Protein backbone atom coordinates (compact mmCIF):
# COMPACT_ATOMS: atom_id res chain seq x y z
CA UNK A 1 -16.72 -67.19 -36.71
CA UNK A 2 -17.83 -69.78 -39.25
CA UNK A 3 -21.11 -71.42 -38.27
CA UNK A 4 -24.67 -72.06 -39.38
CA UNK A 5 -25.91 -69.76 -36.63
CA UNK A 6 -24.11 -67.50 -34.17
CA UNK A 7 -25.46 -66.01 -30.92
CA UNK A 8 -23.67 -62.91 -29.62
CA UNK A 9 -23.88 -62.58 -25.83
CA UNK A 10 -20.84 -60.40 -25.10
CA UNK A 11 -22.45 -58.07 -22.56
CA UNK A 12 -21.97 -54.32 -22.35
CA UNK A 13 -19.07 -51.90 -22.60
CA UNK A 14 -18.57 -50.53 -19.10
CA UNK A 15 -14.79 -50.98 -19.30
CA UNK A 16 -14.75 -47.94 -21.63
CA UNK A 17 -15.47 -45.69 -18.64
CA UNK A 18 -13.08 -44.68 -15.83
CA UNK A 19 -15.54 -45.62 -13.11
CA UNK A 20 -17.78 -48.62 -13.76
CA UNK A 21 -19.46 -51.58 -12.09
CA UNK A 22 -18.56 -53.96 -14.92
CA UNK A 23 -16.03 -56.74 -15.33
CA UNK A 24 -12.85 -55.94 -17.33
CA UNK A 25 -14.19 -58.24 -20.05
CA UNK A 26 -17.07 -55.83 -20.78
CA UNK A 27 -15.17 -53.99 -23.50
CA UNK A 28 -18.01 -53.35 -25.94
CA UNK A 29 -16.61 -55.58 -28.67
CA UNK A 30 -19.97 -57.10 -29.56
CA UNK A 31 -21.26 -53.73 -30.77
CA UNK A 32 -18.23 -53.31 -33.04
CA UNK A 33 -18.76 -56.80 -34.45
CA UNK A 34 -22.35 -55.87 -35.28
CA UNK A 35 -21.17 -52.97 -37.42
CA UNK A 36 -18.47 -55.03 -39.11
CA UNK A 37 -20.93 -57.65 -40.39
CA UNK A 38 -23.70 -55.26 -41.41
CA UNK A 39 -26.02 -55.48 -38.41
CA UNK A 40 -27.77 -52.39 -37.04
CA UNK A 41 -27.36 -50.82 -33.61
CA UNK A 42 -29.97 -48.65 -31.87
CA UNK A 43 -30.23 -46.41 -28.76
CA UNK A 44 -26.46 -46.41 -28.26
CA UNK A 45 -26.60 -43.02 -26.53
CA UNK A 46 -28.57 -44.53 -23.63
CA UNK A 47 -25.97 -45.31 -20.94
CA UNK A 48 -27.11 -45.96 -17.38
CA UNK A 49 -24.95 -44.79 -14.49
CA UNK A 50 -25.62 -46.29 -11.08
CA UNK A 51 -25.66 -43.61 -8.36
CA UNK A 52 -23.79 -45.61 -5.74
CA UNK A 53 -20.43 -47.18 -6.42
CA UNK A 54 -17.55 -47.45 -3.95
CA UNK A 55 -15.25 -44.41 -4.08
CA UNK A 56 -12.04 -46.01 -2.81
CA UNK A 57 -9.57 -47.71 -2.63
CA UNK A 58 -8.62 -47.55 -6.36
CA UNK A 59 -9.02 -51.30 -6.89
CA UNK A 60 -12.62 -51.11 -5.61
CA UNK A 61 -13.57 -47.76 -7.16
CA UNK A 62 -16.90 -48.09 -8.93
CA UNK A 63 -17.87 -51.41 -7.36
CA UNK A 64 -21.63 -51.52 -6.91
CA UNK A 65 -23.17 -50.51 -3.59
CA UNK A 66 -26.66 -51.99 -3.72
CA UNK A 67 -29.70 -49.72 -3.73
CA UNK A 68 -30.87 -51.50 -0.59
CA UNK A 69 -28.56 -49.10 1.25
CA UNK A 70 -30.71 -46.18 0.13
CA UNK A 71 -34.01 -47.95 0.70
CA UNK A 72 -33.47 -50.88 3.03
CA UNK A 73 -33.41 -49.60 6.58
CA UNK A 74 -36.30 -48.33 8.66
CA UNK A 75 -35.05 -44.77 8.21
CA UNK A 76 -33.41 -45.33 4.79
CA UNK A 77 -29.90 -44.28 3.79
CA UNK A 78 -29.18 -40.55 3.60
CA UNK A 79 -27.01 -38.87 0.96
CA UNK A 80 -24.88 -36.00 2.26
CA UNK A 81 -22.16 -33.80 0.81
CA UNK A 82 -18.94 -32.86 2.59
CA UNK A 83 -20.76 -29.98 4.29
CA UNK A 84 -23.17 -32.44 5.89
CA UNK A 85 -26.09 -31.20 3.78
CA UNK A 86 -28.74 -33.69 2.73
CA UNK A 87 -28.45 -32.38 -0.82
CA UNK A 88 -31.28 -34.40 -2.41
CA UNK A 89 -33.64 -31.89 -0.79
CA UNK A 90 -32.46 -29.42 -3.46
CA UNK A 91 -32.90 -31.73 -6.44
CA UNK A 92 -35.81 -34.04 -5.60
CA UNK A 93 -37.57 -32.62 -2.51
CA UNK A 94 -40.44 -35.11 -2.72
CA UNK A 95 -38.66 -38.40 -3.40
CA UNK A 96 -35.23 -37.47 -2.00
CA UNK A 97 -32.88 -40.49 -2.00
CA UNK A 98 -35.57 -42.70 -3.53
CA UNK A 99 -35.70 -40.75 -6.80
CA UNK A 100 -34.81 -42.55 -10.03
CA UNK A 101 -31.27 -43.74 -10.67
CA UNK A 102 -30.58 -41.11 -13.31
CA UNK A 103 -31.90 -38.29 -11.11
CA UNK A 104 -29.87 -39.33 -8.07
CA UNK A 105 -26.79 -39.89 -10.22
CA UNK A 106 -26.94 -36.40 -11.73
CA UNK A 107 -27.43 -34.84 -8.30
CA UNK A 108 -24.39 -36.63 -6.88
CA UNK A 109 -22.30 -35.78 -9.94
CA UNK A 110 -23.27 -32.11 -9.72
CA UNK A 111 -22.41 -31.93 -6.01
CA UNK A 112 -18.96 -33.34 -6.74
CA UNK A 113 -18.41 -31.09 -9.79
CA UNK A 114 -19.35 -27.99 -7.79
CA UNK A 115 -16.81 -28.75 -5.06
CA UNK A 116 -19.04 -30.22 -2.40
CA UNK A 117 -17.61 -33.72 -2.71
CA UNK A 118 -15.11 -35.49 -0.48
CA UNK A 119 -11.36 -35.78 -1.01
CA UNK A 120 -12.03 -39.05 -2.83
CA UNK A 121 -14.32 -37.35 -5.36
CA UNK A 122 -17.44 -38.72 -3.71
CA UNK A 123 -20.37 -37.95 -1.42
CA UNK A 124 -21.43 -39.65 1.79
CA UNK A 125 -24.06 -42.34 2.18
CA UNK A 126 -25.12 -42.45 5.82
CA UNK A 127 -26.82 -45.42 7.52
CA UNK A 128 -25.36 -44.85 10.98
CA UNK A 129 -28.92 -44.22 12.22
CA UNK A 130 -30.07 -47.74 11.30
CA UNK A 131 -31.04 -49.98 14.21
CA UNK A 132 -28.52 -52.48 15.59
CA UNK A 133 -28.05 -55.47 13.31
CA UNK A 134 -29.76 -53.94 10.28
CA UNK A 135 -26.58 -53.33 8.27
CA UNK A 136 -25.40 -56.92 8.68
CA UNK A 137 -28.86 -58.30 7.90
CA UNK A 138 -29.98 -56.09 5.00
CA UNK A 139 -26.69 -55.38 3.20
CA UNK A 140 -24.22 -58.04 4.38
CA UNK A 141 -22.05 -57.76 1.26
CA UNK A 142 -21.71 -53.98 1.54
CA UNK A 143 -21.00 -54.31 5.26
CA UNK A 144 -18.25 -56.89 4.68
CA UNK A 145 -16.75 -54.98 1.73
CA UNK A 146 -16.36 -51.82 3.80
CA UNK A 147 -15.03 -53.63 6.85
CA UNK A 148 -12.21 -54.86 4.58
CA UNK A 149 -11.10 -51.26 4.04
CA UNK A 150 -11.54 -50.28 7.69
CA UNK A 151 -14.93 -48.57 7.41
CA UNK A 152 -17.63 -49.75 9.82
CA UNK A 153 -20.78 -48.51 8.10
CA UNK A 154 -22.72 -48.95 11.35
CA UNK A 155 -20.66 -46.09 12.81
CA UNK A 156 -19.08 -44.32 9.82
CA UNK A 157 -20.54 -42.86 6.66
CA UNK A 158 -19.44 -44.63 3.47
CA UNK A 159 -18.19 -42.67 0.46
CA UNK A 160 -19.89 -43.35 -2.87
CA UNK A 161 -19.61 -42.10 -6.44
CA UNK A 162 -21.67 -42.68 -9.60
CA UNK A 163 -20.49 -45.62 -11.69
CA UNK A 164 -21.23 -46.59 -15.30
CA UNK A 165 -23.53 -49.59 -15.01
CA UNK A 166 -25.51 -50.66 -18.09
CA UNK A 167 -25.95 -50.00 -21.82
CA UNK A 168 -29.56 -49.90 -22.95
CA UNK A 169 -28.59 -49.75 -26.63
CA UNK A 170 -27.25 -52.48 -28.87
CA UNK A 171 -28.18 -54.89 -31.65
CA UNK A 172 -31.58 -54.40 -33.26
CA UNK A 173 -33.35 -57.74 -32.72
CA UNK A 174 -36.82 -59.21 -33.05
CA UNK A 175 -38.74 -61.29 -30.52
CA UNK A 176 -36.50 -64.31 -31.25
CA UNK A 177 -33.21 -62.46 -30.87
CA UNK A 178 -32.71 -62.38 -34.65
CA UNK A 179 -30.78 -59.50 -36.21
CA UNK A 180 -31.10 -58.26 -39.79
CA UNK A 181 -28.30 -60.70 -40.74
CA UNK A 182 -29.50 -64.24 -41.45
CA UNK A 183 -28.20 -66.69 -38.85
CA UNK A 184 -26.95 -63.97 -36.49
CA UNK A 185 -28.63 -63.68 -33.08
CA UNK A 186 -27.93 -61.53 -30.04
CA UNK A 187 -29.09 -61.67 -26.42
CA UNK A 188 -28.56 -59.77 -23.18
CA UNK A 189 -26.98 -56.38 -22.66
CA UNK A 190 -25.50 -56.33 -26.16
CA UNK A 191 -29.05 -55.92 -27.51
CA UNK A 192 -31.53 -53.04 -27.37
CA UNK A 193 -35.23 -52.16 -27.09
CA UNK A 194 -36.08 -54.14 -23.94
CA UNK A 195 -35.39 -51.30 -21.50
CA UNK A 196 -36.11 -48.23 -23.61
CA UNK A 197 -34.17 -45.16 -22.47
CA UNK A 198 -33.70 -46.37 -18.89
CA UNK A 199 -33.49 -49.78 -17.23
CA UNK A 200 -35.30 -50.80 -14.07
CA UNK A 201 -33.25 -52.76 -11.53
CA UNK A 202 -33.39 -56.53 -12.00
CA UNK A 203 -34.88 -56.48 -15.49
CA UNK A 204 -31.66 -57.48 -17.25
CA UNK A 205 -31.60 -60.83 -15.44
CA UNK A 206 -35.06 -61.67 -16.78
CA UNK A 207 -34.04 -60.39 -20.21
CA UNK A 208 -31.05 -62.73 -20.38
CA UNK A 209 -33.08 -65.74 -19.31
CA UNK A 210 -36.03 -65.15 -21.63
CA UNK A 211 -34.16 -64.11 -24.75
CA UNK A 212 -31.31 -66.54 -24.16
CA UNK A 213 -33.82 -69.40 -24.32
CA UNK A 214 -35.75 -67.97 -27.24
CA UNK A 215 -32.64 -67.21 -29.30
CA UNK A 216 -31.20 -70.64 -28.54
CA UNK A 217 -34.38 -72.40 -29.64
CA UNK A 218 -34.66 -70.39 -32.84
CA UNK A 219 -30.96 -70.66 -33.72
CA UNK A 220 -31.08 -74.44 -33.26
CA UNK A 221 -34.12 -74.73 -35.53
CA UNK A 222 -32.56 -72.40 -38.10
CA UNK A 223 -29.34 -74.43 -38.15
CA UNK A 224 -31.13 -77.62 -39.19
CA UNK A 225 -31.74 -76.27 -42.68
CA UNK A 226 -28.95 -73.69 -42.98
CA UNK A 227 -25.60 -73.93 -44.70
CA UNK A 228 -22.40 -73.12 -42.85
CA UNK A 229 -21.48 -69.52 -43.57
CA UNK A 230 -18.78 -69.08 -46.21
CA UNK A 231 -15.71 -67.03 -45.36
CA UNK A 232 -13.40 -66.15 -48.24
CA UNK A 233 -9.76 -67.13 -47.81
CA UNK A 234 -8.84 -63.54 -48.56
CA UNK A 235 -10.77 -62.39 -45.49
CA UNK A 236 -9.09 -65.02 -43.31
CA UNK A 237 -5.64 -64.02 -44.58
CA UNK A 238 -6.37 -60.36 -43.87
CA UNK A 239 -7.32 -61.14 -40.27
CA UNK A 240 -4.18 -63.23 -39.75
CA UNK A 241 -2.07 -60.39 -41.16
CA UNK A 242 -3.76 -57.88 -38.83
CA UNK A 243 -2.87 -59.96 -35.79
CA UNK A 244 0.68 -60.72 -36.95
CA UNK A 245 1.28 -57.00 -37.46
CA UNK A 246 1.00 -56.44 -33.70
CA UNK A 247 4.12 -58.60 -33.22
CA UNK A 248 6.02 -57.37 -36.25
CA UNK A 249 6.05 -53.76 -35.12
CA UNK A 250 9.17 -53.01 -33.10
CA UNK A 251 7.63 -49.83 -31.71
CA UNK A 252 4.19 -48.31 -31.63
CA UNK A 253 1.19 -47.49 -29.50
CA UNK A 254 0.52 -49.40 -26.29
CA UNK A 255 -2.98 -50.76 -25.70
CA UNK A 256 -2.83 -49.93 -21.98
CA UNK A 257 -2.09 -46.26 -22.67
CA UNK A 258 -4.88 -45.89 -25.24
CA UNK A 259 -7.31 -47.62 -22.88
CA UNK A 260 -6.72 -45.01 -20.18
CA UNK A 261 -7.31 -42.22 -22.70
CA UNK A 262 -10.57 -43.83 -23.89
CA UNK A 263 -11.76 -44.11 -20.29
CA UNK A 264 -11.00 -40.43 -19.61
CA UNK A 265 -12.73 -39.24 -22.79
CA UNK A 266 -15.86 -41.28 -22.17
CA UNK A 267 -16.15 -40.39 -18.47
CA UNK A 268 -15.43 -36.68 -18.78
CA UNK A 269 -17.14 -35.87 -22.09
CA UNK A 270 -19.64 -38.66 -22.84
CA UNK A 271 -20.79 -39.35 -19.32
CA UNK A 272 -23.51 -38.34 -16.91
CA UNK A 273 -24.03 -34.73 -18.09
CA UNK A 274 -23.33 -34.08 -21.77
CA UNK A 275 -23.36 -31.13 -24.15
CA UNK A 276 -22.46 -30.52 -27.79
CA UNK A 277 -19.11 -28.90 -27.04
CA UNK A 278 -17.86 -31.83 -24.95
CA UNK A 279 -19.22 -34.42 -27.37
CA UNK A 280 -17.57 -32.81 -30.40
CA UNK A 281 -14.29 -32.56 -28.49
CA UNK A 282 -14.64 -36.24 -27.64
CA UNK A 283 -15.09 -37.00 -31.35
CA UNK A 284 -11.85 -35.21 -32.22
CA UNK A 285 -9.89 -36.86 -29.43
CA UNK A 286 -11.25 -40.28 -30.33
CA UNK A 287 -10.23 -39.81 -33.98
CA UNK A 288 -6.63 -39.23 -32.85
CA UNK A 289 -6.73 -42.44 -30.83
CA UNK A 290 -8.15 -44.34 -33.80
CA UNK A 291 -5.19 -43.16 -35.86
CA UNK A 292 -2.79 -44.22 -33.10
CA UNK A 293 -4.46 -47.63 -32.87
CA UNK A 294 -3.29 -48.45 -36.40
CA UNK A 295 0.21 -48.76 -34.93
CA UNK A 296 -0.62 -50.89 -31.87
CA UNK A 297 2.13 -53.32 -30.97
CA UNK A 298 2.28 -56.41 -28.76
CA UNK A 299 5.39 -57.71 -27.02
CA UNK A 300 3.86 -61.16 -26.52
CA UNK A 301 0.67 -63.14 -27.15
CA UNK A 302 -0.89 -61.96 -23.89
CA UNK A 303 -1.10 -58.41 -25.30
CA UNK A 304 -2.80 -59.39 -28.55
CA UNK A 305 -6.24 -59.58 -26.94
CA UNK A 306 -5.79 -56.07 -25.53
CA UNK A 307 -4.87 -54.73 -28.97
CA UNK A 308 -7.95 -56.30 -30.53
CA UNK A 309 -10.17 -55.02 -27.72
CA UNK A 310 -8.88 -51.45 -28.13
CA UNK A 311 -9.62 -51.37 -31.85
CA UNK A 312 -13.19 -52.56 -31.26
CA UNK A 313 -13.68 -50.32 -28.22
CA UNK A 314 -12.84 -47.29 -30.34
CA UNK A 315 -15.53 -48.27 -32.87
CA UNK A 316 -18.15 -48.64 -30.14
CA UNK A 317 -17.20 -45.35 -28.48
CA UNK A 318 -17.53 -43.56 -31.82
CA UNK A 319 -21.12 -44.81 -32.21
CA UNK A 320 -22.09 -43.74 -28.68
CA UNK A 321 -20.79 -40.22 -29.29
CA UNK A 322 -22.46 -39.98 -32.70
CA UNK A 323 -25.87 -40.95 -31.31
CA UNK A 324 -25.49 -38.72 -28.23
CA UNK A 325 -24.77 -35.73 -30.46
CA UNK A 326 -27.75 -36.39 -32.68
CA UNK A 327 -30.29 -36.71 -29.84
CA UNK A 328 -30.83 -33.04 -29.01
CA UNK A 329 -32.97 -33.51 -25.92
CA UNK A 330 -32.80 -35.21 -22.52
CA UNK A 331 -34.56 -38.55 -22.17
CA UNK A 332 -34.08 -41.38 -19.69
CA UNK A 333 -30.40 -41.90 -18.97
CA UNK A 334 -29.30 -39.51 -21.74
CA UNK A 335 -28.96 -35.99 -20.31
CA UNK A 336 -27.87 -32.96 -22.34
CA UNK A 337 -27.28 -29.77 -20.34
CA UNK A 338 -27.74 -27.78 -23.58
CA UNK A 339 -31.06 -29.57 -24.22
CA UNK A 340 -32.28 -30.30 -20.67
CA UNK A 341 -35.93 -30.94 -21.51
CA UNK A 342 -37.67 -33.97 -22.96
CA UNK A 343 -38.81 -33.18 -26.52
CA UNK A 344 -41.88 -35.11 -27.80
CA UNK A 345 -40.55 -34.69 -31.33
CA UNK A 346 -37.66 -36.95 -30.32
CA UNK A 347 -39.90 -39.86 -29.34
CA UNK A 348 -37.91 -41.82 -31.90
CA UNK A 349 -34.93 -44.15 -32.04
CA UNK A 350 -31.52 -43.55 -33.59
CA UNK A 351 -30.16 -46.51 -35.52
CA UNK A 352 -26.53 -46.72 -36.63
CA UNK A 353 -24.98 -48.95 -39.28
CA UNK A 354 -22.17 -48.95 -41.84
CA UNK A 355 -22.79 -48.15 -45.49
CA UNK A 356 -21.13 -49.99 -48.37
CA UNK A 357 -18.05 -47.79 -48.04
CA UNK A 358 -17.70 -48.61 -44.35
CA UNK A 359 -18.84 -45.19 -43.12
CA UNK A 360 -21.17 -44.83 -40.13
CA UNK A 361 -24.71 -43.83 -41.04
CA UNK A 362 -27.53 -42.85 -38.68
CA UNK A 363 -31.22 -43.37 -39.32
CA UNK A 364 -33.97 -41.94 -37.11
CA UNK A 365 -36.99 -44.25 -36.91
CA UNK A 366 -40.36 -44.15 -35.17
CA UNK A 367 -40.74 -46.50 -32.19
CA UNK A 368 -42.90 -49.59 -32.30
CA UNK A 369 -46.37 -48.73 -31.00
CA UNK A 370 -48.29 -50.99 -28.64
């Protein structure tokens, strides 16, 4: 990109996970771009999983089931395992289904992992006790979505599974959306520090509106006196050669195959419940995929975008794993089973950037005080 000012608003990276609420375009490329141009990332270990996503059919797996289902009816929605147990009584006996997203998510995940989930790898969400007309009135979208697959949620329990939902980490910005690179701005989910270690529902909409306007205003003012960024011809030629190489290879790695492996690594080892062993294994497996990605090939132009996305996705995944390993505690959406308690000594942020040799470097910094 050659411009006086650039605003990055690429969203999150949910497509890196097997089960997610995001659009396929949320590949996490913006985070990789930050590293490539010298910007800093922070809080990349903080990944929010929504407790209730659709469990099936495959094309709908992970699609968001609104929290109104758990808290909208007169008697609320009830979470049950395949044994019919209202399992939240074990995990959060006071708040039950109305506990925080991360707490409900971990409870559901644990029930499934311990064999008390359904055949679809899910648990039940029961609103069959709601009064007549409540389902259609309070959650019309969820009602219609399930009717499409032959499930009448007024009479049948729906099956739900946790789903990767939001990244709290991202570009380090100031109050105008400015990064540490002159003329580079970022807004929305690709940025950090608005939500801390966990996001409250609805806050990202306000974030996008407020910082989108502020960044736009500041970038416009900055551009009036700025020079268009210079890009050396050598850098342009190198990028053209990288893209042409996808076509020139007669055989090599397929983007679609690597994508499925990334999704499995991130879901199984860098997901809802983490530990050092799984994270280090994820690092090793990701390194193999990074090596394979050097030989990505494209049969036609339609596959070039996928090849580019994979290379950037691997960079972003590496940063998430690195930060998750370094934070040896549990805080917000980041849960380590080997460090299950919140540690006051870790009331700090982990920043990641590339050094002059292109290697990832982490820096632990104290948070901004009120």
